């Protein structure tokens, strides 16, 4: 089984919701010691918000979509079923900017 890492995109979710991809945003040093981690849901519905990060083939996804930082949530790691991609190198600053925009920081 793959080890969950910050910046990876995983497929999964709660049993009562339609499965979807999630971008892992919890800091790497905390992932191993946490049961639940912070993730940003990934969706094909692009709104053009400053709190979104565009994702696509460079990130391992077959269609263009966005990670939505207005809907960050905590998920139990056991709900993440399989890795489907990872944020391309050099793009973490986009995540930081989207998080700041989502909370007006």
Protein backbone atom coordinates (compact mmCIF):
# COMPACT_ATOMS: atom_id res chain seq x y z
CA UNK A 1 0.00 0.00 0.00
CA UNK A 2 1.22 3.51 -0.82
CA UNK A 3 2.21 5.79 2.02
CA UNK A 4 0.16 8.99 2.12
CA UNK A 5 2.25 12.12 1.53
CA UNK A 6 1.57 15.83 1.41
CA UNK A 7 0.79 16.99 -2.12
CA UNK A 8 -0.51 13.62 -3.29
CA UNK A 9 -3.97 13.20 -4.78
CA UNK A 10 -5.96 10.26 -3.40
CA UNK A 11 -9.30 8.72 -4.41
CA UNK A 12 -11.79 7.94 -1.68
CA UNK A 13 -14.15 9.50 0.84
CA UNK A 14 -16.83 8.61 3.37
CA UNK A 15 -19.15 5.69 2.57
CA UNK A 16 -22.21 7.97 2.49
CA UNK A 17 -20.70 10.24 -0.19
CA UNK A 18 -19.76 9.72 -3.82
CA UNK A 19 -16.02 8.92 -3.98
CA UNK A 20 -13.79 11.69 -5.33
CA UNK A 21 -10.15 12.73 -5.45
CA UNK A 22 -8.63 14.72 -2.58
CA UNK A 23 -5.38 16.68 -2.41
CA UNK A 24 -3.52 15.96 0.83
CA UNK A 25 -2.49 19.21 2.54
CA UNK A 26 -1.51 18.10 6.07
CA UNK A 27 2.17 18.80 6.74
CA UNK A 28 4.32 15.76 6.06
CA UNK A 29 5.74 15.47 9.59
CA UNK A 30 2.21 15.13 11.05
CA UNK A 31 0.71 12.60 8.62
CA UNK A 32 2.15 9.48 10.28
CA UNK A 33 0.99 10.49 13.76
CA UNK A 34 -2.50 11.65 12.78
CA UNK A 35 -5.54 9.45 12.26
CA UNK A 36 -7.35 12.12 10.22
CA UNK A 37 -5.64 14.51 7.83
CA UNK A 38 -6.56 17.75 6.07
CA UNK A 39 -7.52 17.42 2.43
CA UNK A 40 -8.89 19.67 -0.28
CA UNK A 41 -11.61 18.11 -2.46
CA UNK A 42 -10.89 17.95 -6.17
CA UNK A 43 -13.71 18.71 -8.59
CA UNK A 44 -14.27 19.24 -12.30
CA UNK A 45 -16.47 22.23 -11.51
CA UNK A 46 -14.15 25.18 -11.98
CA UNK A 47 -15.42 28.53 -10.71
CA UNK A 48 -12.29 30.61 -11.33
CA UNK A 49 -11.90 31.41 -7.62
CA UNK A 50 -8.58 32.49 -6.12
CA UNK A 51 -9.14 29.68 -3.60
CA UNK A 52 -8.83 27.01 -6.33
CA UNK A 53 -5.70 25.33 -7.68
CA UNK A 54 -5.92 24.05 -11.24
CA UNK A 55 -4.90 20.40 -11.65
CA UNK A 56 -4.41 18.33 -14.79
CA UNK A 57 -2.22 15.86 -16.63
CA UNK A 58 1.02 17.23 -15.11
CA UNK A 59 -0.44 16.22 -11.75
CA UNK A 60 -1.44 12.72 -12.89
CA UNK A 61 -5.11 13.44 -13.59
CA UNK A 62 -6.83 12.55 -16.84
CA UNK A 63 -9.07 15.65 -16.92
CA UNK A 64 -8.59 19.26 -15.89
CA UNK A 65 -10.08 20.00 -12.49
CA UNK A 66 -9.40 22.07 -9.38
CA UNK A 67 -8.59 21.52 -5.73
CA UNK A 68 -11.10 23.65 -3.83
CA UNK A 69 -9.68 25.24 -0.68
CA UNK A 70 -13.00 26.77 0.41
CA UNK A 71 -14.10 23.23 1.28
CA UNK A 72 -11.02 21.86 3.08
CA UNK A 73 -11.97 19.04 5.41
CA UNK A 74 -10.52 16.43 7.69
CA UNK A 75 -10.72 12.79 6.55
CA UNK A 76 -9.69 9.60 8.29
CA UNK A 77 -6.70 8.22 6.39
CA UNK A 78 -8.47 4.84 6.05
CA UNK A 79 -11.01 6.54 3.75
CA UNK A 80 -8.32 7.26 1.14
CA UNK A 81 -8.34 4.17 -1.08
CA UNK A 82 -5.69 4.72 -3.75
CA UNK A 83 -3.25 7.33 -4.96
CA UNK A 84 -4.18 8.82 -8.33
CA UNK A 85 -1.60 11.56 -8.72
CA UNK A 86 0.46 14.26 -7.06
CA UNK A 87 0.87 17.99 -7.37
CA UNK A 88 3.63 18.65 -9.90
CA UNK A 89 6.96 19.79 -8.41
CA UNK A 90 7.30 23.52 -7.80
CA UNK A 91 3.57 24.16 -7.37
CA UNK A 92 3.18 24.09 -3.56
CA UNK A 93 3.20 27.91 -3.48
CA UNK A 94 -0.14 27.77 -5.36
CA UNK A 95 -1.62 25.71 -2.53
CA UNK A 96 -0.35 28.22 0.04
CA UNK A 97 -1.85 31.12 -1.92
CA UNK A 98 -5.21 29.35 -2.30
CA UNK A 99 -5.32 28.56 1.44
CA UNK A 100 -4.56 32.20 2.29
CA UNK A 101 -7.29 33.35 -0.10
CA UNK A 102 -9.82 30.88 1.34
CA UNK A 103 -9.46 32.31 4.86
CA UNK A 104 -8.73 35.95 3.94
CA UNK A 105 -5.26 35.76 5.45
